[in-house]
C-alpha cells in the first residue's frame, strides 16, 4: 500500500498545487493500491488502464482548479459550478457518463451544529471528492477504504469508494443526531429540575430546534439520493454492492426518523415548560393570596379598634387583649385551613 506524499513530493509537481490545500490522489488495481500522490494530469493516464480505479480529493478548489479536473474527466460546466458553489442542497444529479453528488457532514460542538459540505463526481472508475473546508477528516475516509479490502475493489468500479464515503457521512450524521439527543435530555432535566432556569431553557430549546431544523434539511434529501443509487434500471451500483448501499439507506432512514422524533420531543418539552411555568405561577399566586388573607385579619381588627368613637373596651386594657386574641385566633385558623388545603 502506498504512503501519503510528503510536502516535498507535492512541491515537485506545480500542477499539484490546486486549491488552498494539496490534492490527494490514489489509484487501485485489483483491490490493491498501486499509486498515491501522483500529479492530477496523470489521472487520465491511469484511467486508460481498464482495471484501474482512481480517486482525487480537492479542498476549497477554485474555478480554474476544477477546470483542470474537468478537462481530465470531461465534466460538465454546470456540475463544476455546483461543486464550487456553497450551500447547494443535498442531491444527486446524473450527467452523461458520471453523476454529481452533494452531501453534508454535521458536527456538534458545545451544542452548536456545524455543517461541512462535501461534493463528489462519480464516474465508472473515478471518484473526485470536493471539500469546501477542512472540517471533514479525509483520513477517516481513507481508513474505511483500507479496512475493507475484500468488499468491492476487486472489480474496477468506483462504487465501492462511493459506498465508503456515504457510509462515513451517514455515520457522522448519526453521531450528530445522538449529540442532539443528549442535548434534548439536558434540556429535559432543566425543565423538570427544581431550579427551573427559564432563560437558559428558552435559549437552549431555541438552539436545539434550530439545529434539528438544519439537520432535517440535510437528512431528508439523503433518502432520495440513496433511492436513486439503488434503482436497478440506472445501474449506478453493481449487484454485489447493493446490500451495502441498502444498509446505508436504512441508516439514512434512521437519521430522518430520529430527527423528526427529536423535533416532536422538543415541541412537547416547550409545551411542558409552559404548563409547568403556569403551574408554578398558580402555586405562587395561591401562597400570596393565602398570606394576604391572613394579613388582612390583623389589618381589619386593628382598623376596627382604631376608630375614633367609643366601643366595647375603648381605652381599657381588656380591649387590647380582646383585639390581640381575635387576631391570633383568626390568623391561626386561616393558616391551618390553608395548610390543610395545600395552599401554603
C-alpha atoms as a PDB file:
ATOM      1  CA  UNK A   1       0.000   0.000   0.000  1.00  0.00           C
ATOM      2  CA  UNK A   2       1.402   3.390  -0.937  1.00  0.00           C
ATOM      3  CA  UNK A   3       2.187   6.069   1.614  1.00  0.00           C
ATOM      4  CA  UNK A   4       0.866   9.619   1.641  1.00  0.00           C
ATOM      5  CA  UNK A   5       3.003  12.065  -0.339  1.00  0.00           C
ATOM      6  CA  UNK A   6       5.202  14.455   1.572  1.00  0.00           C
ATOM      7  CA  UNK A   7       5.181  18.214   1.035  1.00  0.00           C
ATOM      8  CA  UNK A   8       8.422  17.913  -0.903  1.00  0.00           C
ATOM      9  CA  UNK A   9       6.863  15.385  -3.252  1.00  0.00           C
ATOM     10  CA  UNK A  10       3.920  17.698  -3.859  1.00  0.00           C
ATOM     11  CA  UNK A  11       6.075  20.746  -4.456  1.00  0.00           C
ATOM     12  CA  UNK A  12       7.986  18.894  -7.150  1.00  0.00           C
ATOM     13  CA  UNK A  13       4.836  18.974  -9.263  1.00  0.00           C
ATOM     14  CA  UNK A  14       3.499  22.533  -9.754  1.00  0.00           C
ATOM     15  CA  UNK A  15       0.336  21.128 -11.293  1.00  0.00           C
ATOM     16  CA  UNK A  16      -0.439  19.539  -7.923  1.00  0.00           C
ATOM     17  CA  UNK A  17      -0.976  22.926  -6.286  1.00  0.00           C
ATOM     18  CA  UNK A  18      -4.744  23.003  -6.798  1.00  0.00           C
ATOM     19  CA  UNK A  19      -6.996  24.909  -4.421  1.00  0.00           C
ATOM     20  CA  UNK A  20      -5.831  26.053  -0.984  1.00  0.00           C
ATOM     21  CA  UNK A  21      -4.571  22.598   0.062  1.00  0.00           C
ATOM     22  CA  UNK A  22      -2.593  19.949  -1.848  1.00  0.00           C
ATOM     23  CA  UNK A  23      -4.791  17.439  -3.654  1.00  0.00           C
ATOM     24  CA  UNK A  24      -4.865  13.796  -2.594  1.00  0.00           C
ATOM     25  CA  UNK A  25      -4.714  11.133  -5.298  1.00  0.00           C
ATOM     26  CA  UNK A  26      -4.839   7.354  -5.282  1.00  0.00           C
ATOM     27  CA  UNK A  27      -5.110   4.537  -7.771  1.00  0.00           C
ATOM     28  CA  UNK A  28      -6.221   0.933  -7.170  1.00  0.00           C
ATOM     29  CA  UNK A  29      -5.764  -2.115  -9.345  1.00  0.00           C
ATOM     30  CA  UNK A  30      -7.448  -5.405  -8.421  1.00  0.00           C
ATOM     31  CA  UNK A  31      -8.134  -4.097  -4.924  1.00  0.00           C
ATOM     32  CA  UNK A  32      -4.527  -3.038  -4.296  1.00  0.00           C
ATOM     33  CA  UNK A  33      -3.164   0.491  -4.022  1.00  0.00           C
ATOM     34  CA  UNK A  34      -0.725   0.884  -6.909  1.00  0.00           C
ATOM     35  CA  UNK A  35      -0.090   4.634  -6.809  1.00  0.00           C
ATOM     36  CA  UNK A  36      -0.619   7.563  -4.483  1.00  0.00           C
ATOM     37  CA  UNK A  37       0.211  11.236  -4.615  1.00  0.00           C
ATOM     38  CA  UNK A  38       0.623  11.352  -8.372  1.00  0.00           C
ATOM     39  CA  UNK A  39       0.014  14.615 -10.310  1.00  0.00           C
ATOM     40  CA  UNK A  40      -3.532  15.444 -11.328  1.00  0.00           C
ATOM     41  CA  UNK A  41      -2.787  15.435 -15.093  1.00  0.00           C
ATOM     42  CA  UNK A  42      -1.843  11.746 -14.789  1.00  0.00           C
ATOM     43  CA  UNK A  43      -5.412  10.774 -13.835  1.00  0.00           C
ATOM     44  CA  UNK A  44      -6.372  10.254 -17.462  1.00  0.00           C
ATOM     45  CA  UNK A  45      -3.296   8.041 -17.934  1.00  0.00           C
ATOM     46  CA  UNK A  46      -4.403   5.750 -15.124  1.00  0.00           C
ATOM     47  CA  UNK A  47      -7.978   5.671 -16.406  1.00  0.00           C
ATOM     48  CA  UNK A  48      -6.732   4.400 -19.760  1.00  0.00           C
ATOM     49  CA  UNK A  49      -5.976   1.141 -17.990  1.00  0.00           C
ATOM     50  CA  UNK A  50      -9.241  -0.835 -17.861  1.00  0.00           C
ATOM     51  CA  UNK A  51      -8.543  -2.405 -14.456  1.00  0.00           C
ATOM     52  CA  UNK A  52      -7.709   0.771 -12.528  1.00  0.00           C
ATOM     53  CA  UNK A  53      -9.848   2.925 -10.204  1.00  0.00           C
ATOM     54  CA  UNK A  54      -8.749   6.485  -9.387  1.00  0.00           C
ATOM     55  CA  UNK A  55      -9.619   8.867  -6.549  1.00  0.00           C
ATOM     56  CA  UNK A  56      -8.879  12.597  -6.301  1.00  0.00           C
ATOM     57  CA  UNK A  57      -9.625  14.872  -3.357  1.00  0.00           C
ATOM     58  CA  UNK A  58      -9.678  18.678  -3.542  1.00  0.00           C
ATOM     59  CA  UNK A  59     -10.131  21.161  -0.697  1.00  0.00           C
ATOM     60  CA  UNK A  60     -11.612  24.601  -1.375  1.00  0.00           C
ATOM     61  CA  UNK A  61     -10.799  24.465  -5.113  1.00  0.00           C
ATOM     62  CA  UNK A  62     -11.032  27.487  -7.396  1.00  0.00           C
ATOM     63  CA  UNK A  63     -12.858  27.531 -10.706  1.00  0.00           C
ATOM     64  CA  UNK A  64      -9.639  27.146 -12.634  1.00  0.00           C
ATOM     65  CA  UNK A  65      -8.662  24.187 -10.451  1.00  0.00           C
ATOM     66  CA  UNK A  66     -11.824  22.307 -11.298  1.00  0.00           C
ATOM     67  CA  UNK A  67     -11.466  23.186 -14.952  1.00  0.00           C
ATOM     68  CA  UNK A  68      -8.224  21.202 -14.934  1.00  0.00           C
ATOM     69  CA  UNK A  69     -10.047  18.236 -13.373  1.00  0.00           C
ATOM     70  CA  UNK A  70     -12.980  18.749 -15.729  1.00  0.00           C
ATOM     71  CA  UNK A  71     -10.686  18.506 -18.714  1.00  0.00           C
ATOM     72  CA  UNK A  72      -9.214  15.282 -17.345  1.00  0.00           C
ATOM     73  CA  UNK A  73     -12.607  13.663 -16.722  1.00  0.00           C
ATOM     74  CA  UNK A  74     -14.810  15.508 -19.222  1.00  0.00           C
ATOM     75  CA  UNK A  75     -17.045  17.154 -16.631  1.00  0.00           C
ATOM     76  CA  UNK A  76     -19.983  19.389 -17.484  1.00  0.00           C
ATOM     77  CA  UNK A  77     -19.522  23.102 -16.591  1.00  0.00           C
ATOM     78  CA  UNK A  78     -22.836  23.082 -14.697  1.00  0.00           C
ATOM     79  CA  UNK A  79     -21.640  20.282 -12.436  1.00  0.00           C
ATOM     80  CA  UNK A  80     -18.325  22.050 -11.927  1.00  0.00           C
ATOM     81  CA  UNK A  81     -20.185  25.214 -10.919  1.00  0.00           C
ATOM     82  CA  UNK A  82     -22.228  23.234  -8.360  1.00  0.00           C
ATOM     83  CA  UNK A  83     -19.033  21.821  -6.883  1.00  0.00           C
ATOM     84  CA  UNK A  84     -17.549  25.283  -6.381  1.00  0.00           C
ATOM     85  CA  UNK A  85     -20.772  26.921  -5.143  1.00  0.00           C
ATOM     86  CA  UNK A  86     -21.550  26.741  -1.452  1.00  0.00           C
ATOM     87  CA  UNK A  87     -24.785  25.790   0.255  1.00  0.00           C
ATOM     88  CA  UNK A  88     -26.100  23.548  -2.507  1.00  0.00           C
ATOM     89  CA  UNK A  89     -28.844  21.205  -1.295  1.00  0.00           C
ATOM     90  CA  UNK A  90     -28.053  17.544  -0.739  1.00  0.00           C
ATOM     91  CA  UNK A  91     -28.719  15.919  -4.105  1.00  0.00           C
ATOM     92  CA  UNK A  92     -27.611  13.511  -6.821  1.00  0.00           C
ATOM     93  CA  UNK A  93     -27.566  14.782 -10.413  1.00  0.00           C
ATOM     94  CA  UNK A  94     -26.914  12.458 -13.335  1.00  0.00           C
ATOM     95  CA  UNK A  95     -24.893  13.525 -16.363  1.00  0.00           C
ATOM     96  CA  UNK A  96     -23.678  11.620 -19.374  1.00  0.00           C
ATOM     97  CA  UNK A  97     -21.097   9.145 -18.103  1.00  0.00           C
ATOM     98  CA  UNK A  98     -20.985  10.334 -14.480  1.00  0.00           C
ATOM     99  CA  UNK A  99     -23.029  11.693 -11.580  1.00  0.00           C
ATOM    100  CA  UNK A 100     -22.652  14.666  -9.253  1.00  0.00           C
ATOM    101  CA  UNK A 101     -23.328  14.185  -5.543  1.00  0.00           C
ATOM    102  CA  UNK A 102     -23.628  16.843  -2.841  1.00  0.00           C
ATOM    103  CA  UNK A 103     -23.965  15.916   0.848  1.00  0.00           C
ATOM    104  CA  UNK A 104     -23.296  17.472   4.249  1.00  0.00           C
ATOM    105  CA  UNK A 105     -21.296  16.207   7.210  1.00  0.00           C
ATOM    106  CA  UNK A 106     -22.602  17.604  10.534  1.00  0.00           C
ATOM    107  CA  UNK A 107     -20.559  18.179  13.665  1.00  0.00           C
ATOM    108  CA  UNK A 108     -21.906  19.200  17.080  1.00  0.00           C
ATOM    109  CA  UNK A 109     -19.590  21.133  19.377  1.00  0.00           C
ATOM    110  CA  UNK A 110     -20.832  22.792  22.534  1.00  0.00           C
ATOM    111  CA  UNK A 111     -24.432  22.499  21.424  1.00  0.00           C
ATOM    112  CA  UNK A 112     -23.759  24.260  18.117  1.00  0.00           C
ATOM    113  CA  UNK A 113     -24.278  22.348  14.862  1.00  0.00           C
ATOM    114  CA  UNK A 114     -21.765  22.992  12.075  1.00  0.00           C
ATOM    115  CA  UNK A 115     -22.295  21.667   8.542  1.00  0.00           C
ATOM    116  CA  UNK A 116     -19.401  20.767   6.250  1.00  0.00           C
ATOM    117  CA  UNK A 117     -20.230  20.474   2.566  1.00  0.00           C
ATOM    118  CA  UNK A 118     -18.869  17.549   0.556  1.00  0.00           C
ATOM    119  CA  UNK A 119     -19.319  17.153  -3.202  1.00  0.00           C
ATOM    120  CA  UNK A 120     -18.300  14.266  -5.434  1.00  0.00           C
ATOM    121  CA  UNK A 121     -18.068  13.449  -9.123  1.00  0.00           C
ATOM    122  CA  UNK A 122     -18.770   9.754  -9.631  1.00  0.00           C
ATOM    123  CA  UNK A 123     -17.630   8.116 -12.838  1.00  0.00           C
ATOM    124  CA  UNK A 124     -17.453   4.396 -13.540  1.00  0.00           C
ATOM    125  CA  UNK A 125     -13.830   4.125 -12.425  1.00  0.00           C
ATOM    126  CA  UNK A 126     -13.142   7.520 -10.864  1.00  0.00           C
ATOM    127  CA  UNK A 127     -14.264   9.379  -7.760  1.00  0.00           C
ATOM    128  CA  UNK A 128     -13.454  13.061  -7.232  1.00  0.00           C
ATOM    129  CA  UNK A 129     -14.309  14.479  -3.799  1.00  0.00           C
ATOM    130  CA  UNK A 130     -14.517  18.241  -3.289  1.00  0.00           C
ATOM    131  CA  UNK A 131     -14.495  19.652   0.237  1.00  0.00           C
ATOM    132  CA  UNK A 132     -15.458  23.242   0.920  1.00  0.00           C
ATOM    133  CA  UNK A 133     -13.431  23.296   4.149  1.00  0.00           C
ATOM    134  CA  UNK A 134     -11.089  21.118   6.159  1.00  0.00           C
ATOM    135  CA  UNK A 135     -13.764  20.130   8.690  1.00  0.00           C
ATOM    136  CA  UNK A 136     -14.134  16.682   7.093  1.00  0.00           C
ATOM    137  CA  UNK A 137     -11.453  14.206   8.099  1.00  0.00           C
ATOM    138  CA  UNK A 138     -10.428  12.690   4.776  1.00  0.00           C
ATOM    139  CA  UNK A 139      -8.019  10.321   6.530  1.00  0.00           C
ATOM    140  CA  UNK A 140     -11.013   8.668   8.212  1.00  0.00           C
ATOM    141  CA  UNK A 141     -12.448   8.002   4.758  1.00  0.00           C
ATOM    142  CA  UNK A 142      -9.179   6.511   3.541  1.00  0.00           C
ATOM    143  CA  UNK A 143      -9.102   4.363   6.667  1.00  0.00           C
ATOM    144  CA  UNK A 144     -12.513   2.916   5.815  1.00  0.00           C
ATOM    145  CA  UNK A 145     -11.383   2.004   2.339  1.00  0.00           C
ATOM    146  CA  UNK A 146      -8.209   0.394   3.669  1.00  0.00           C
ATOM    147  CA  UNK A 147     -10.065  -1.589   6.340  1.00  0.00           C
ATOM    148  CA  UNK A 148     -12.401  -3.206   3.780  1.00  0.00           C
ATOM    149  CA  UNK A 149     -10.054  -4.734   1.204  1.00  0.00           C
ATOM    150  CA  UNK A 150     -12.335  -7.603   0.208  1.00  0.00           C
ATOM    151  CA  UNK A 151     -15.595  -5.711  -0.251  1.00  0.00           C
ATOM    152  CA  UNK A 152     -15.632  -4.267  -3.727  1.00  0.00           C
ATOM    153  CA  UNK A 153     -12.425  -3.075  -5.326  1.00  0.00           C
ATOM    154  CA  UNK A 154     -11.619  -6.453  -6.835  1.00  0.00           C
ATOM    155  CA  UNK A 155     -13.801  -5.210  -9.693  1.00  0.00           C
ATOM    156  CA  UNK A 156     -12.726  -1.980 -11.418  1.00  0.00           C
ATOM    157  CA  UNK A 157     -15.533   0.324 -10.201  1.00  0.00           C
ATOM    158  CA  UNK A 158     -15.748   3.488  -8.115  1.00  0.00           C
ATOM    159  CA  UNK A 159     -18.996   2.343  -6.484  1.00  0.00           C
ATOM    160  CA  UNK A 160     -17.105   0.854  -3.554  1.00  0.00           C
ATOM    161  CA  UNK A 161     -15.340   4.162  -2.938  1.00  0.00           C
ATOM    162  CA  UNK A 162     -18.739   5.863  -3.030  1.00  0.00           C
ATOM    163  CA  UNK A 163     -20.119   3.338  -0.544  1.00  0.00           C
ATOM    164  CA  UNK A 164     -17.297   4.056   1.899  1.00  0.00           C
ATOM    165  CA  UNK A 165     -17.871   7.790   1.582  1.00  0.00           C
ATOM    166  CA  UNK A 166     -21.642   7.602   2.078  1.00  0.00           C
ATOM    167  CA  UNK A 167     -21.245   5.163   4.964  1.00  0.00           C
ATOM    168  CA  UNK A 168     -18.913   7.609   6.711  1.00  0.00           C
ATOM    169  CA  UNK A 169     -21.256  10.553   6.048  1.00  0.00           C
ATOM    170  CA  UNK A 170     -24.288   8.741   7.451  1.00  0.00           C
ATOM    171  CA  UNK A 171     -22.359   7.527  10.489  1.00  0.00           C
ATOM    172  CA  UNK A 172     -21.331  11.116  11.227  1.00  0.00           C
ATOM    173  CA  UNK A 173     -24.936  12.219  10.795  1.00  0.00           C
ATOM    174  CA  UNK A 174     -25.998   9.556  13.290  1.00  0.00           C
ATOM    175  CA  UNK A 175     -23.330  10.785  15.713  1.00  0.00           C
ATOM    176  CA  UNK A 176     -24.641  14.339  15.331  1.00  0.00           C
ATOM    177  CA  UNK A 177     -28.221  13.258  15.997  1.00  0.00           C
ATOM    178  CA  UNK A 178     -27.013  11.363  19.079  1.00  0.00           C
ATOM    179  CA  UNK A 179     -25.352  14.555  20.331  1.00  0.00           C
ATOM    180  CA  UNK A 180     -28.579  16.482  19.741  1.00  0.00           C
ATOM    181  CA  UNK A 181     -30.471  13.752  21.588  1.00  0.00           C
ATOM    182  CA  UNK A 182     -28.124  14.212  24.563  1.00  0.00           C
ATOM    183  CA  UNK A 183     -28.787  17.953  24.406  1.00  0.00           C
ATOM    184  CA  UNK A 184     -32.533  17.251  24.444  1.00  0.00           C
ATOM    185  CA  UNK A 185     -32.049  15.133  27.589  1.00  0.00           C
ATOM    186  CA  UNK A 186     -30.159  18.014  29.207  1.00  0.00           C
ATOM    187  CA  UNK A 187     -32.986  20.426  28.369  1.00  0.00           C
ATOM    188  CA  UNK A 188     -35.490  17.926  29.783  1.00  0.00           C
ATOM    189  CA  UNK A 189     -33.543  17.798  33.064  1.00  0.00           C
ATOM    190  CA  UNK A 190     -33.671  21.605  33.233  1.00  0.00           C
ATOM    191  CA  UNK A 191     -37.420  21.653  32.563  1.00  0.00           C
ATOM    192  CA  UNK A 192     -38.205  19.180  35.338  1.00  0.00           C
ATOM    193  CA  UNK A 193     -35.491  20.359  37.744  1.00  0.00           C
ATOM    194  CA  UNK A 194     -36.188  22.368  40.876  1.00  0.00           C
ATOM    195  CA  UNK A 195     -34.117  25.360  39.764  1.00  0.00           C
ATOM    196  CA  UNK A 196     -36.138  25.835  36.545  1.00  0.00           C
ATOM    197  CA  UNK A 197     -33.882  28.461  34.876  1.00  0.00           C
ATOM    198  CA  UNK A 198     -36.354  29.931  32.404  1.00  0.00           C
ATOM    199  CA  UNK A 199     -33.889  31.948  30.308  1.00  0.00           C
ATOM    200  CA  UNK A 200     -31.451  29.056  29.919  1.00  0.00           C
ATOM    201  CA  UNK A 201     -34.268  26.687  28.986  1.00  0.00           C
ATOM    202  CA  UNK A 202     -35.530  29.125  26.366  1.00  0.00           C
ATOM    203  CA  UNK A 203     -32.056  29.687  24.906  1.00  0.00           C
ATOM    204  CA  UNK A 204     -31.121  26.004  24.721  1.00  0.00           C
ATOM    205  CA  UNK A 205     -34.543  24.973  23.445  1.00  0.00           C
ATOM    206  CA  UNK A 206     -34.391  27.519  20.629  1.00  0.00           C
ATOM    207  CA  UNK A 207     -30.854  26.464  19.702  1.00  0.00           C
ATOM    208  CA  UNK A 208     -31.862  22.803  19.727  1.00  0.00           C
ATOM    209  CA  UNK A 209     -34.885  23.408  17.497  1.00  0.00           C
ATOM    210  CA  UNK A 210     -32.725  25.420  15.108  1.00  0.00           C
ATOM    211  CA  UNK A 211     -30.120  22.636  14.960  1.00  0.00           C
ATOM    212  CA  UNK A 212     -32.770  19.982  14.374  1.00  0.00           C
ATOM    213  CA  UNK A 213     -34.259  22.022  11.533  1.00  0.00           C
ATOM    214  CA  UNK A 214     -30.809  22.218   9.899  1.00  0.00           C
ATOM    215  CA  UNK A 215     -30.283  18.510  10.491  1.00  0.00           C
ATOM    216  CA  UNK A 216     -33.606  17.677   8.892  1.00  0.00           C
ATOM    217  CA  UNK A 217     -32.754  19.730   5.790  1.00  0.00           C
ATOM    218  CA  UNK A 218     -29.654  17.636   5.137  1.00  0.00           C
ATOM    219  CA  UNK A 219     -31.084  14.272   6.225  1.00  0.00           C
ATOM    220  CA  UNK A 220     -34.318  14.107   4.237  1.00  0.00           C
ATOM    221  CA  UNK A 221     -32.734  14.509   0.760  1.00  0.00           C
ATOM    222  CA  UNK A 222     -30.398  11.595   1.529  1.00  0.00           C
ATOM    223  CA  UNK A 223     -33.334   9.209   1.098  1.00  0.00           C
ATOM    224  CA  UNK A 224     -33.804  10.400  -2.464  1.00  0.00           C
ATOM    225  CA  UNK A 225     -30.047  10.115  -3.101  1.00  0.00           C
ATOM    226  CA  UNK A 226     -29.891   6.511  -1.912  1.00  0.00           C
ATOM    227  CA  UNK A 227     -33.115   5.608  -3.687  1.00  0.00           C
ATOM    228  CA  UNK A 228     -31.672   6.877  -6.963  1.00  0.00           C
ATOM    229  CA  UNK A 229     -28.435   4.976  -6.449  1.00  0.00           C
ATOM    230  CA  UNK A 230     -30.337   1.763  -5.707  1.00  0.00           C
ATOM    231  CA  UNK A 231     -32.526   1.915  -8.815  1.00  0.00           C
ATOM    232  CA  UNK A 232     -31.656  -1.133 -10.873  1.00  0.00           C
ATOM    233  CA  UNK A 233     -32.532   0.451 -14.191  1.00  0.00           C
ATOM    234  CA  UNK A 234     -29.878   3.140 -13.697  1.00  0.00           C
ATOM    235  CA  UNK A 235     -27.138   0.593 -12.915  1.00  0.00           C
ATOM    236  CA  UNK A 236     -25.178   3.031 -10.793  1.00  0.00           C
ATOM    237  CA  UNK A 237     -24.384   0.378  -8.181  1.00  0.00           C
ATOM    238  CA  UNK A 238     -23.112  -3.114  -9.088  1.00  0.00           C
ATOM    239  CA  UNK A 239     -25.219  -6.015  -7.809  1.00  0.00           C
ATOM    240  CA  UNK A 240     -22.619  -7.230  -5.246  1.00  0.00           C
ATOM    241  CA  UNK A 241     -22.651  -3.811  -3.562  1.00  0.00           C
ATOM    242  CA  UNK A 242     -26.436  -3.372  -3.417  1.00  0.00           C
ATOM    243  CA  UNK A 243     -26.740  -4.879   0.117  1.00  0.00           C
ATOM    244  CA  UNK A 244     -24.103  -2.444   1.370  1.00  0.00           C
ATOM    245  CA  UNK A 245     -25.898   0.552  -0.100  1.00  0.00           C
ATOM    246  CA  UNK A 246     -29.159  -0.830   1.291  1.00  0.00           C
ATOM    247  CA  UNK A 247     -27.568  -0.806   4.747  1.00  0.00           C
ATOM    248  CA  UNK A 248     -26.588   2.843   4.250  1.00  0.00           C
ATOM    249  CA  UNK A 249     -30.160   3.583   3.151  1.00  0.00           C
ATOM    250  CA  UNK A 250     -31.507   2.004   6.355  1.00  0.00           C
ATOM    251  CA  UNK A 251     -29.203   4.211   8.401  1.00  0.00           C
ATOM    252  CA  UNK A 252     -30.411   7.207   6.384  1.00  0.00           C
ATOM    253  CA  UNK A 253     -33.997   6.399   7.327  1.00  0.00           C
ATOM    254  CA  UNK A 254     -32.926   6.152  10.951  1.00  0.00           C
ATOM    255  CA  UNK A 255     -31.329   9.605  10.829  1.00  0.00           C
ATOM    256  CA  UNK A 256     -34.508  11.129   9.395  1.00  0.00           C
ATOM    257  CA  UNK A 257     -36.848   9.344  11.797  1.00  0.00           C
ATOM    258  CA  UNK A 258     -34.651  10.147  14.789  1.00  0.00           C
ATOM    259  CA  UNK A 259     -34.524  13.811  13.808  1.00  0.00           C
ATOM    260  CA  UNK A 260     -38.304  14.009  13.423  1.00  0.00           C
ATOM    261  CA  UNK A 261     -38.770  12.283  16.791  1.00  0.00           C
ATOM    262  CA  UNK A 262     -36.461  14.796  18.461  1.00  0.00           C
ATOM    263  CA  UNK A 263     -38.340  17.687  16.866  1.00  0.00           C
ATOM    264  CA  UNK A 264     -41.578  16.334  18.336  1.00  0.00           C
ATOM    265  CA  UNK A 265     -39.876  15.816  21.705  1.00  0.00           C
ATOM    266  CA  UNK A 266     -38.593  19.387  21.803  1.00  0.00           C
ATOM    267  CA  UNK A 267     -42.041  20.701  20.896  1.00  0.00           C
ATOM    268  CA  UNK A 268     -43.520  18.636  23.750  1.00  0.00           C
ATOM    269  CA  UNK A 269     -40.833  19.933  26.111  1.00  0.00           C
ATOM    270  CA  UNK A 270     -41.709  23.514  25.206  1.00  0.00           C
ATOM    271  CA  UNK A 271     -45.395  22.831  25.862  1.00  0.00           C
ATOM    272  CA  UNK A 272     -44.473  21.132  29.137  1.00  0.00           C
ATOM    273  CA  UNK A 273     -42.305  24.092  30.106  1.00  0.00           C
ATOM    274  CA  UNK A 274     -45.218  26.483  29.584  1.00  0.00           C
ATOM    275  CA  UNK A 275     -47.542  24.222  31.564  1.00  0.00           C
ATOM    276  CA  UNK A 276     -45.056  23.876  34.430  1.00  0.00           C
ATOM    277  CA  UNK A 277     -44.411  27.604  34.407  1.00  0.00           C
ATOM    278  CA  UNK A 278     -48.147  28.230  34.602  1.00  0.00           C
ATOM    279  CA  UNK A 279     -48.491  25.708  37.442  1.00  0.00           C
ATOM    280  CA  UNK A 280     -45.631  27.327  39.323  1.00  0.00           C
ATOM    281  CA  UNK A 281     -47.265  30.704  38.868  1.00  0.00           C
ATOM    282  CA  UNK A 282     -50.535  29.295  40.228  1.00  0.00           C
ATOM    283  CA  UNK A 283     -48.700  27.929  43.257  1.00  0.00           C
ATOM    284  CA  UNK A 284     -47.122  31.300  43.893  1.00  0.00           C
ATOM    285  CA  UNK A 285     -50.447  33.064  43.498  1.00  0.00           C
ATOM    286  CA  UNK A 286     -52.087  30.654  45.954  1.00  0.00           C
ATOM    287  CA  UNK A 287     -49.411  31.332  48.558  1.00  0.00           C
ATOM    288  CA  UNK A 288     -49.515  35.073  48.061  1.00  0.00           C
ATOM    289  CA  UNK A 289     -53.305  35.106  48.255  1.00  0.00           C
ATOM    290  CA  UNK A 290     -53.290  32.932  51.368  1.00  0.00           C
ATOM    291  CA  UNK A 291     -50.794  35.153  53.187  1.00  0.00           C
ATOM    292  CA  UNK A 292     -52.729  38.217  52.062  1.00  0.00           C
ATOM    293  CA  UNK A 293     -55.866  36.743  53.631  1.00  0.00           C
ATOM    294  CA  UNK A 294     -54.017  36.044  56.877  1.00  0.00           C
ATOM    295  CA  UNK A 295     -52.522  39.525  56.975  1.00  0.00           C
ATOM    296  CA  UNK A 296     -55.959  41.004  56.293  1.00  0.00           C
ATOM    297  CA  UNK A 297     -57.204  39.763  59.698  1.00  0.00           C
ATOM    298  CA  UNK A 298     -54.972  41.926  61.906  1.00  0.00           C
ATOM    299  CA  UNK A 299     -55.421  44.779  59.471  1.00  0.00           C
ATOM    300  CA  UNK A 300     -59.203  44.545  59.817  1.00  0.00           C
ATOM    301  CA  UNK A 301     -59.153  44.168  63.586  1.00  0.00           C
ATOM    302  CA  UNK A 302     -56.691  46.981  64.219  1.00  0.00           C
ATOM    303  CA  UNK A 303     -58.577  49.131  61.767  1.00  0.00           C
ATOM    304  CA  UNK A 304     -61.819  48.494  63.660  1.00  0.00           C
ATOM    305  CA  UNK A 305     -60.259  49.274  67.011  1.00  0.00           C
ATOM    306  CA  UNK A 306     -58.606  52.344  65.581  1.00  0.00           C
ATOM    307  CA  UNK A 307     -61.934  54.160  65.150  1.00  0.00           C
ATOM    308  CA  UNK A 308     -62.216  57.473  66.994  1.00  0.00           C
ATOM    309  CA  UNK A 309     -65.600  56.519  68.585  1.00  0.00           C
ATOM    310  CA  UNK A 310     -66.388  54.719  71.828  1.00  0.00           C
ATOM    311  CA  UNK A 311     -66.690  50.891  71.509  1.00  0.00           C
ATOM    312  CA  UNK A 312     -66.697  47.959  73.976  1.00  0.00           C
ATOM    313  CA  UNK A 313     -63.277  48.004  75.645  1.00  0.00           C
ATOM    314  CA  UNK A 314     -62.464  51.527  74.464  1.00  0.00           C
ATOM    315  CA  UNK A 315     -59.422  52.978  76.311  1.00  0.00           C
ATOM    316  CA  UNK A 316     -59.211  49.860  78.526  1.00  0.00           C
ATOM    317  CA  UNK A 317     -56.583  47.119  78.846  1.00  0.00           C
ATOM    318  CA  UNK A 318     -59.109  44.339  78.309  1.00  0.00           C
ATOM    319  CA  UNK A 319     -60.000  45.846  74.909  1.00  0.00           C
ATOM    320  CA  UNK A 320     -56.359  45.415  73.750  1.00  0.00           C
ATOM    321  CA  UNK A 321     -56.341  41.824  74.995  1.00  0.00           C
ATOM    322  CA  UNK A 322     -59.593  41.091  73.173  1.00  0.00           C
ATOM    323  CA  UNK A 323     -58.236  42.533  69.912  1.00  0.00           C
ATOM    324  CA  UNK A 324     -54.988  40.534  70.247  1.00  0.00           C
ATOM    325  CA  UNK A 325     -56.886  37.296  70.915  1.00  0.00           C
ATOM    326  CA  UNK A 326     -59.149  37.857  67.899  1.00  0.00           C
ATOM    327  CA  UNK A 327     -56.120  38.491  65.655  1.00  0.00           C
ATOM    328  CA  UNK A 328     -54.252  35.392  66.849  1.00  0.00           C
ATOM    329  CA  UNK A 329     -57.271  33.075  66.684  1.00  0.00           C
ATOM    330  CA  UNK A 330     -58.424  34.197  63.230  1.00  0.00           C
ATOM    331  CA  UNK A 331     -54.912  34.228  61.747  1.00  0.00           C
ATOM    332  CA  UNK A 332     -54.108  30.794  63.174  1.00  0.00           C
ATOM    333  CA  UNK A 333     -57.420  29.391  61.921  1.00  0.00           C
ATOM    334  CA  UNK A 334     -56.815  30.701  58.413  1.00  0.00           C
ATOM    335  CA  UNK A 335     -53.210  29.395  58.414  1.00  0.00           C
ATOM    336  CA  UNK A 336     -54.366  25.900  59.431  1.00  0.00           C
ATOM    337  CA  UNK A 337     -57.108  25.860  56.799  1.00  0.00           C
ATOM    338  CA  UNK A 338     -54.747  26.979  54.000  1.00  0.00           C
ATOM    339  CA  UNK A 339     -52.078  24.494  55.109  1.00  0.00           C
ATOM    340  CA  UNK A 340     -54.559  21.609  55.100  1.00  0.00           C
ATOM    341  CA  UNK A 341     -55.674  22.555  51.595  1.00  0.00           C
ATOM    342  CA  UNK A 342     -52.025  22.809  50.480  1.00  0.00           C
ATOM    343  CA  UNK A 343     -52.245  26.475  49.699  1.00  0.00           C
ATOM    344  CA  UNK A 344     -49.188  27.255  51.798  1.00  0.00           C
END
